[in-house]
Protein backbone atom coordinates (compact mmCIF):
# COMPACT_ATOMS: atom_id res chain seq x y z
CA MET A 1 25.53 50.78 119.75
CA ARG A 2 24.83 51.67 116.13
CA PRO A 3 21.21 51.93 115.10
CA ALA A 4 21.02 49.38 112.30
CA PRO A 5 18.72 46.50 111.44
CA ASN A 6 20.80 43.88 113.25
CA ALA A 7 22.52 46.14 115.77
CA LEU A 8 22.45 45.41 119.46
CA MET A 9 21.15 47.95 121.92
CA GLY A 10 22.36 48.32 125.48
CA VAL A 11 19.75 49.52 127.98
CA ARG A 12 20.72 50.31 131.55
CA VAL A 13 18.58 48.57 134.18
CA THR A 14 17.13 51.23 136.51
CA LYS A 15 15.56 48.94 139.15
CA PRO A 16 15.80 45.25 140.04
CA ALA A 17 13.63 43.09 137.79
CA SER A 18 13.13 39.59 136.44
CA ILE A 19 13.83 39.83 132.71
CA PRO A 20 12.88 37.07 130.25
CA LEU A 21 15.58 36.30 127.68
CA SER A 22 14.94 35.35 124.07
CA ASP A 23 16.06 31.75 124.79
CA GLY A 24 13.31 31.32 127.42
CA ARG A 25 15.42 31.77 130.56
CA VAL A 26 14.53 34.44 133.12
CA VAL A 27 17.35 36.47 134.65
CA LEU A 28 17.28 38.60 137.79
CA ALA A 29 18.74 41.99 136.85
CA THR A 30 19.98 44.48 139.43
CA THR A 31 20.19 48.27 139.18
CA GLY A 32 23.13 49.25 136.94
CA ASP A 33 23.17 46.02 134.91
CA TRP A 34 22.88 46.21 131.14
CA ARG A 35 20.09 44.62 129.13
CA ILE A 36 21.46 43.61 125.70
CA CYS A 37 18.65 43.64 123.14
CA ARG A 38 18.00 43.19 119.46
CA HIS A 39 14.68 44.76 118.53
CA ASP A 40 12.21 43.62 121.24
CA PHE A 41 14.24 40.57 122.29
CA THR A 42 16.54 40.60 125.32
CA ILE A 43 19.59 38.51 124.51
CA ASP A 44 21.44 38.88 127.81
CA VAL A 45 21.66 40.81 131.06
CA ILE A 46 25.21 41.61 132.13
CA SER A 47 27.10 43.53 134.78
CA GLU A 48 28.76 46.92 134.18
CA ALA A 49 32.21 45.27 134.29
CA ARG A 50 31.26 42.65 131.70
CA PHE A 51 29.61 45.31 129.53
CA ARG A 52 32.82 47.40 129.45
CA LYS A 53 34.90 44.31 128.70
CA GLU A 54 32.72 42.79 125.94
CA TYR A 55 31.00 45.73 124.22
CA GLU A 56 32.00 48.95 122.53
CA PRO A 57 29.33 51.61 122.92
CA ILE A 58 28.78 53.65 119.76
CA VAL A 59 27.54 57.22 120.05
CA ALA A 60 25.12 58.13 117.25
CA GLY A 61 26.64 60.70 114.91
CA ALA A 62 30.14 60.23 116.32
CA LEU A 63 33.17 58.66 114.67
CA THR A 64 34.35 55.61 116.59
CA LEU A 65 37.67 54.08 115.65
CA THR A 66 39.16 50.80 116.79
CA PRO A 67 42.77 50.67 118.00
CA ALA A 68 43.63 49.01 114.67
CA ASP A 69 41.99 51.92 112.80
CA CYS A 70 44.03 54.41 114.86
CA ALA A 71 47.27 52.51 114.25
CA ARG A 72 46.61 52.51 110.51
CA LEU A 73 45.81 56.25 110.50
CA GLU A 74 48.93 57.01 112.54
CA GLN A 75 51.06 55.45 109.81
CA THR A 76 50.03 58.48 107.74
CA THR A 77 49.30 61.21 110.30
CA GLY A 78 52.10 60.46 112.77
CA LEU A 79 52.52 58.50 115.98
CA GLY A 80 50.06 59.49 118.71
CA THR A 81 47.99 61.84 116.54
CA THR A 82 44.74 59.91 117.03
CA GLN A 83 44.79 60.17 120.83
CA ILE A 84 43.40 63.73 121.06
CA PRO A 85 40.75 64.91 118.57
CA ILE A 86 42.21 68.40 117.98
CA VAL A 87 45.68 66.93 117.34
CA PHE A 88 44.19 64.46 114.86
CA LEU A 89 42.27 67.26 113.09
CA GLN A 90 45.45 69.35 112.84
CA ALA A 91 47.38 66.38 111.41
CA VAL A 92 44.70 65.76 108.77
CA GLU A 93 44.58 69.47 107.88
CA ARG A 94 48.37 69.52 107.48
CA LEU A 95 48.21 66.54 105.14
CA ALA A 96 45.31 67.94 103.14
CA ALA A 97 46.74 71.46 102.85
CA LEU A 98 48.85 72.64 99.98
CA HIS A 99 50.85 75.82 100.51
CA ILE A 100 52.98 77.90 98.19
CA GLY A 101 54.70 80.33 100.50
CA ASP A 102 51.93 81.89 102.58
CA VAL A 103 49.23 81.03 100.04
CA ARG A 104 47.05 78.06 100.90
CA LEU A 105 45.52 76.18 97.99
CA ASP A 106 42.26 74.52 98.98
CA PHE A 107 41.32 71.38 97.10
CA THR A 108 38.25 69.23 97.52
CA PRO A 109 38.86 65.53 98.29
CA GLY A 110 37.88 64.79 94.67
CA GLN A 111 40.44 67.27 93.34
CA LEU A 112 43.15 65.78 95.56
CA ALA A 113 42.22 62.32 94.29
CA GLU A 114 42.50 63.62 90.70
CA LEU A 115 45.96 65.07 91.46
CA GLN A 116 47.02 61.70 92.88
CA HIS A 117 45.63 59.94 89.81
CA ARG A 118 47.52 62.26 87.44
CA ALA A 119 50.72 61.85 89.44
CA ALA A 120 50.39 58.05 89.33
CA LYS A 121 49.84 58.14 85.54
CA ARG A 122 53.12 60.03 85.21
CA GLY A 123 54.92 57.70 87.62
CA GLN A 124 55.34 60.53 90.12
CA THR A 125 54.41 61.21 93.69
CA ILE A 126 51.83 63.93 94.30
CA GLU A 127 54.66 66.05 95.74
CA GLN A 128 56.62 65.75 92.48
CA THR A 129 53.52 66.71 90.47
CA ILE A 130 52.82 69.76 92.65
CA LYS A 131 56.50 70.79 92.49
CA ALA A 132 56.32 70.64 88.68
CA VAL A 133 53.26 72.94 88.75
CA VAL A 134 55.04 75.39 91.06
CA ASP A 135 58.11 75.30 88.77
CA ARG A 136 55.86 76.13 85.79
CA ILE A 137 54.34 79.05 87.71
CA ARG A 138 57.81 80.28 88.70
CA ASP A 139 59.01 79.95 85.10
CA GLU A 140 55.97 81.84 83.80
CA ILE A 141 56.38 84.69 86.30
CA PHE A 142 60.15 85.13 86.16
CA HIS A 143 61.13 84.05 82.65
CA HIS A 144 58.16 84.66 80.38
CA GLY A 145 56.25 87.34 82.29
CA GLY A 146 56.43 91.00 81.47
């Protein structure tokens, strides 16, 4: 669960207990059940199976993506790349990297966005813009250089 003002918290029940719900009912919880709370109010008590079916636990500080998020990312990074974290990282690094031969050009996300903006202003793809820069470098080295 995400810690946020209106977020729900899931608390594992460690021993059988009668738990009052926010609507006034009292529920008998068994060991392993989940207490679903918002602030100090218990909204529900549910079984492990129901918890897995109805809720998506969120680990604090971790990136959690829905299947729809993964499908959208895979349209750019490639089919199946979001299934294993290291494969996803490698796919993102490939997309974000710019190489001229063995030389890697590192750009910040802001610089890449600026390159995309300039390319769009010229009616080009970013690849066409980068190719034009490489052609200018090649021309400078081989035709105008000393």
